[in-house]
Amino acid sequence: IIRSLKKFPEDRSLSKRLLNNAVVATKEGYKIVIADEIKEGKLKEYIALSNKQLIFFAESIEGYKYQIEVMSSLVEAMAVLGVELPE
């Protein structure tokens, strides 16, 4: 992880960390979840950097798999339906 962060440092101008390294053991191994709130207009850059970091892990750790999921906040999801939630 340290080598990856040195090679591909996190760019806090792209996102705000909401959840850092929540870990659960599964039958297949360990699952680690990180949740970031992506800043407006920065999704493409964020995903590109994340892929570089995660591909580096995958090439370094046998059996390593990763998945990136893009989700909406409740406020964003409800806005799509035309419902405005109080903030």
N, C-alpha and C. Protein backbone atom coordinates (compact mmCIF):
# COMPACT_ATOMS: atom_id res chain seq x y z
N ILE A 1 0.83 -1.19 0.00
CA ILE A 1 0.00 0.00 0.00
C ILE A 1 0.87 1.25 0.00
N ILE A 2 1.91 1.24 0.81
CA ILE A 2 2.79 2.41 0.90
C ILE A 2 3.46 2.68 -0.45
N ARG A 3 3.91 1.61 -1.13
CA ARG A 3 4.54 1.80 -2.45
C ARG A 3 3.54 2.39 -3.43
N SER A 4 2.30 1.93 -3.36
CA SER A 4 1.27 2.45 -4.27
C SER A 4 1.01 3.93 -4.02
N LEU A 5 0.92 4.31 -2.74
CA LEU A 5 0.65 5.71 -2.42
C LEU A 5 1.81 6.62 -2.78
N LYS A 6 3.03 6.08 -2.73
CA LYS A 6 4.19 6.87 -3.16
C LYS A 6 4.16 7.07 -4.67
N LYS A 7 3.79 6.00 -5.39
CA LYS A 7 3.76 6.06 -6.85
C LYS A 7 2.54 6.84 -7.35
N PHE A 8 1.40 6.63 -6.69
CA PHE A 8 0.14 7.29 -7.08
C PHE A 8 -0.47 7.93 -5.84
N PRO A 9 0.03 9.08 -5.40
CA PRO A 9 -0.48 9.70 -4.16
C PRO A 9 -1.94 10.12 -4.30
N GLU A 10 -2.65 10.05 -3.18
CA GLU A 10 -4.04 10.49 -3.16
C GLU A 10 -4.11 11.98 -3.48
N ASP A 11 -5.14 12.35 -4.20
CA ASP A 11 -5.34 13.75 -4.57
C ASP A 11 -6.61 14.24 -3.89
N ARG A 12 -6.48 14.91 -2.77
CA ARG A 12 -7.63 15.38 -1.99
C ARG A 12 -8.39 16.50 -2.70
N SER A 13 -7.86 17.01 -3.82
CA SER A 13 -8.62 18.00 -4.58
C SER A 13 -9.74 17.33 -5.38
N LEU A 14 -9.71 15.99 -5.45
CA LEU A 14 -10.71 15.24 -6.21
C LEU A 14 -11.88 14.76 -5.35
N SER A 15 -11.62 14.53 -4.06
CA SER A 15 -12.65 13.90 -3.23
C SER A 15 -12.44 14.18 -1.75
N LYS A 16 -13.47 13.85 -1.00
CA LYS A 16 -13.42 13.92 0.46
C LYS A 16 -13.66 12.51 0.99
N ARG A 17 -12.79 12.01 1.85
CA ARG A 17 -12.91 10.65 2.40
C ARG A 17 -14.06 10.60 3.41
N LEU A 18 -14.99 9.66 3.19
CA LEU A 18 -16.12 9.46 4.10
C LEU A 18 -15.93 8.23 4.97
N LEU A 19 -15.36 7.18 4.40
CA LEU A 19 -15.13 5.92 5.11
C LEU A 19 -13.79 5.38 4.68
N ASN A 20 -12.91 5.10 5.63
CA ASN A 20 -11.56 4.68 5.30
C ASN A 20 -11.30 3.25 5.73
N ASN A 21 -11.18 2.36 4.78
CA ASN A 21 -10.74 0.98 5.01
C ASN A 21 -11.57 0.22 6.03
N ALA A 22 -12.87 0.12 5.79
CA ALA A 22 -13.71 -0.78 6.57
C ALA A 22 -13.43 -2.19 6.06
N VAL A 23 -13.16 -3.14 6.96
CA VAL A 23 -12.71 -4.48 6.56
C VAL A 23 -13.66 -5.54 7.11
N VAL A 24 -13.96 -6.54 6.27
CA VAL A 24 -14.75 -7.69 6.70
C VAL A 24 -14.12 -8.94 6.09
N ALA A 25 -14.08 -10.03 6.87
CA ALA A 25 -13.59 -11.32 6.37
C ALA A 25 -14.74 -12.05 5.69
N THR A 26 -14.46 -12.63 4.52
CA THR A 26 -15.45 -13.40 3.79
C THR A 26 -14.87 -14.78 3.50
N LYS A 27 -15.66 -15.67 2.91
CA LYS A 27 -15.16 -17.00 2.54
C LYS A 27 -14.07 -16.91 1.48
N GLU A 28 -14.11 -15.85 0.67
CA GLU A 28 -13.13 -15.67 -0.41
C GLU A 28 -11.88 -14.94 0.04
N GLY A 29 -11.91 -14.32 1.20
CA GLY A 29 -10.77 -13.53 1.68
C GLY A 29 -11.28 -12.31 2.42
N TYR A 30 -10.60 -11.21 2.25
CA TYR A 30 -11.00 -9.98 2.92
C TYR A 30 -11.61 -9.02 1.92
N LYS A 31 -12.62 -8.30 2.37
CA LYS A 31 -13.23 -7.25 1.56
C LYS A 31 -12.97 -5.93 2.29
N ILE A 32 -12.45 -4.96 1.56
CA ILE A 32 -12.14 -3.65 2.13
C ILE A 32 -12.96 -2.61 1.38
N VAL A 33 -13.62 -1.75 2.13
CA VAL A 33 -14.47 -0.73 1.53
C VAL A 33 -13.94 0.66 1.89
N ILE A 34 -13.86 1.49 0.88
CA ILE A 34 -13.50 2.90 1.05
C ILE A 34 -14.62 3.69 0.37
N ALA A 35 -15.11 4.73 1.02
CA ALA A 35 -16.14 5.58 0.43
C ALA A 35 -15.64 7.02 0.39
N ASP A 36 -15.68 7.60 -0.78
CA ASP A 36 -15.28 8.99 -0.98
C ASP A 36 -16.42 9.77 -1.61
N GLU A 37 -16.55 11.02 -1.22
CA GLU A 37 -17.48 11.93 -1.89
C GLU A 37 -16.68 12.67 -2.95
N ILE A 38 -17.02 12.43 -4.21
CA ILE A 38 -16.28 13.01 -5.32
C ILE A 38 -16.72 14.46 -5.52
N LYS A 39 -15.75 15.33 -5.69
CA LYS A 39 -16.06 16.75 -5.88
C LYS A 39 -16.62 16.98 -7.28
N GLU A 40 -17.44 18.00 -7.39
CA GLU A 40 -18.13 18.34 -8.64
C GLU A 40 -17.15 18.40 -9.81
N GLY A 41 -17.47 17.65 -10.88
CA GLY A 41 -16.67 17.67 -12.10
C GLY A 41 -15.36 16.89 -12.03
N LYS A 42 -15.14 16.12 -10.98
CA LYS A 42 -13.86 15.42 -10.78
C LYS A 42 -13.96 13.91 -10.91
N LEU A 43 -15.13 13.39 -11.29
CA LEU A 43 -15.33 11.93 -11.31
C LEU A 43 -14.36 11.22 -12.26
N LYS A 44 -14.20 11.74 -13.47
CA LYS A 44 -13.33 11.09 -14.45
C LYS A 44 -11.89 11.01 -13.94
N GLU A 45 -11.38 12.12 -13.39
CA GLU A 45 -10.01 12.14 -12.85
C GLU A 45 -9.88 11.20 -11.65
N TYR A 46 -10.90 11.19 -10.80
CA TYR A 46 -10.89 10.34 -9.61
C TYR A 46 -10.81 8.86 -10.00
N ILE A 47 -11.65 8.45 -10.95
CA ILE A 47 -11.67 7.05 -11.37
C ILE A 47 -10.35 6.67 -12.04
N ALA A 48 -9.78 7.55 -12.83
CA ALA A 48 -8.49 7.27 -13.48
C ALA A 48 -7.40 7.04 -12.43
N LEU A 49 -7.33 7.89 -11.42
CA LEU A 49 -6.32 7.72 -10.36
C LEU A 49 -6.59 6.45 -9.56
N SER A 50 -7.84 6.19 -9.22
CA SER A 50 -8.19 4.99 -8.46
C SER A 50 -7.80 3.73 -9.23
N ASN A 51 -8.07 3.72 -10.53
CA ASN A 51 -7.70 2.55 -11.34
C ASN A 51 -6.19 2.35 -11.35
N LYS A 52 -5.42 3.42 -11.46
CA LYS A 52 -3.96 3.28 -11.42
C LYS A 52 -3.51 2.66 -10.11
N GLN A 53 -4.05 3.15 -8.99
CA GLN A 53 -3.69 2.61 -7.67
C GLN A 53 -4.08 1.14 -7.56
N LEU A 54 -5.30 0.82 -7.96
CA LEU A 54 -5.80 -0.54 -7.79
C LEU A 54 -5.16 -1.54 -8.75
N ILE A 55 -4.84 -1.12 -9.96
CA ILE A 55 -4.12 -2.00 -10.89
C ILE A 55 -2.73 -2.29 -10.35
N PHE A 56 -2.10 -1.30 -9.74
CA PHE A 56 -0.79 -1.51 -9.10
C PHE A 56 -0.90 -2.60 -8.04
N PHE A 57 -1.95 -2.55 -7.20
CA PHE A 57 -2.16 -3.60 -6.20
C PHE A 57 -2.36 -4.94 -6.87
N ALA A 58 -3.22 -4.97 -7.88
CA ALA A 58 -3.56 -6.23 -8.56
C ALA A 58 -2.33 -6.88 -9.18
N GLU A 59 -1.42 -6.08 -9.69
CA GLU A 59 -0.19 -6.62 -10.28
C GLU A 59 0.80 -7.07 -9.22
N SER A 60 0.66 -6.56 -8.00
CA SER A 60 1.60 -6.86 -6.92
C SER A 60 1.13 -7.97 -5.99
N ILE A 61 -0.17 -8.20 -5.92
CA ILE A 61 -0.74 -9.15 -4.96
C ILE A 61 -1.53 -10.22 -5.71
N GLU A 62 -1.06 -11.45 -5.65
CA GLU A 62 -1.72 -12.55 -6.35
C GLU A 62 -3.15 -12.71 -5.83
N GLY A 63 -4.10 -12.82 -6.75
CA GLY A 63 -5.49 -13.02 -6.40
C GLY A 63 -6.25 -11.76 -6.03
N TYR A 64 -5.57 -10.62 -6.07
CA TYR A 64 -6.22 -9.35 -5.70
C TYR A 64 -7.25 -8.97 -6.75
N LYS A 65 -8.45 -8.64 -6.30
CA LYS A 65 -9.52 -8.19 -7.19
C LYS A 65 -10.05 -6.88 -6.64
N TYR A 66 -10.54 -6.04 -7.53
CA TYR A 66 -11.13 -4.79 -7.07
C TYR A 66 -12.33 -4.44 -7.91
N GLN A 67 -13.16 -3.58 -7.35
CA GLN A 67 -14.35 -3.11 -8.04
C GLN A 67 -14.60 -1.67 -7.59
N ILE A 68 -14.89 -0.82 -8.54
CA ILE A 68 -15.25 0.57 -8.24
C ILE A 68 -16.74 0.72 -8.54
N GLU A 69 -17.47 1.22 -7.56
CA GLU A 69 -18.90 1.48 -7.75
C GLU A 69 -19.15 2.97 -7.54
N VAL A 70 -19.87 3.57 -8.45
CA VAL A 70 -20.23 4.98 -8.32
C VAL A 70 -21.68 5.02 -7.85
N MET A 71 -21.90 5.66 -6.73
CA MET A 71 -23.23 5.76 -6.14
C MET A 71 -23.59 7.23 -5.93
N SER A 72 -24.89 7.48 -5.83
CA SER A 72 -25.39 8.83 -5.56
C SER A 72 -25.69 8.97 -4.07
N SER A 73 -25.61 10.19 -3.59
CA SER A 73 -26.10 10.47 -2.24
C SER A 73 -27.62 10.40 -2.29
N LEU A 74 -28.25 10.32 -1.13
CA LEU A 74 -29.71 10.30 -1.09
C LEU A 74 -30.30 11.56 -1.71
N VAL A 75 -29.70 12.70 -1.42
CA VAL A 75 -30.18 13.97 -1.98
C VAL A 75 -30.08 13.94 -3.50
N GLU A 76 -28.96 13.46 -4.04
CA GLU A 76 -28.78 13.38 -5.51
C GLU A 76 -29.78 12.41 -6.13
N ALA A 77 -29.96 11.25 -5.51
CA ALA A 77 -30.86 10.23 -6.06
C ALA A 77 -32.31 10.72 -6.05
N MET A 78 -32.72 11.37 -4.99
CA MET A 78 -34.09 11.86 -4.91
C MET A 78 -34.32 13.01 -5.90
N ALA A 79 -33.30 13.82 -6.14
CA ALA A 79 -33.42 14.91 -7.10
C ALA A 79 -33.72 14.38 -8.50
N VAL A 80 -33.17 13.22 -8.84
CA VAL A 80 -33.46 12.59 -10.14
C VAL A 80 -34.95 12.30 -10.25
N LEU A 81 -35.57 11.97 -9.12
CA LEU A 81 -37.01 11.68 -9.10
C LEU A 81 -37.86 12.94 -8.95
N GLY A 82 -37.19 14.09 -8.86
CA GLY A 82 -37.91 15.34 -8.70
C GLY A 82 -38.33 15.63 -7.27
N VAL A 83 -37.74 14.92 -6.32
CA VAL A 83 -38.07 15.12 -4.90
C VAL A 83 -36.91 15.85 -4.24
N GLU A 84 -37.22 16.97 -3.60
CA GLU A 84 -36.18 17.74 -2.91
C GLU A 84 -36.24 17.43 -1.42
N LEU A 85 -35.13 16.97 -0.88
CA LEU A 85 -35.05 16.67 0.55
C LEU A 85 -34.48 17.87 1.29
N PRO A 86 -34.93 18.09 2.51
CA PRO A 86 -34.31 19.16 3.30
C PRO A 86 -32.88 18.77 3.65
N GLU A 87 -31.97 19.73 3.61
CA GLU A 87 -30.57 19.42 3.90
C GLU A 87 -30.26 19.62 5.35
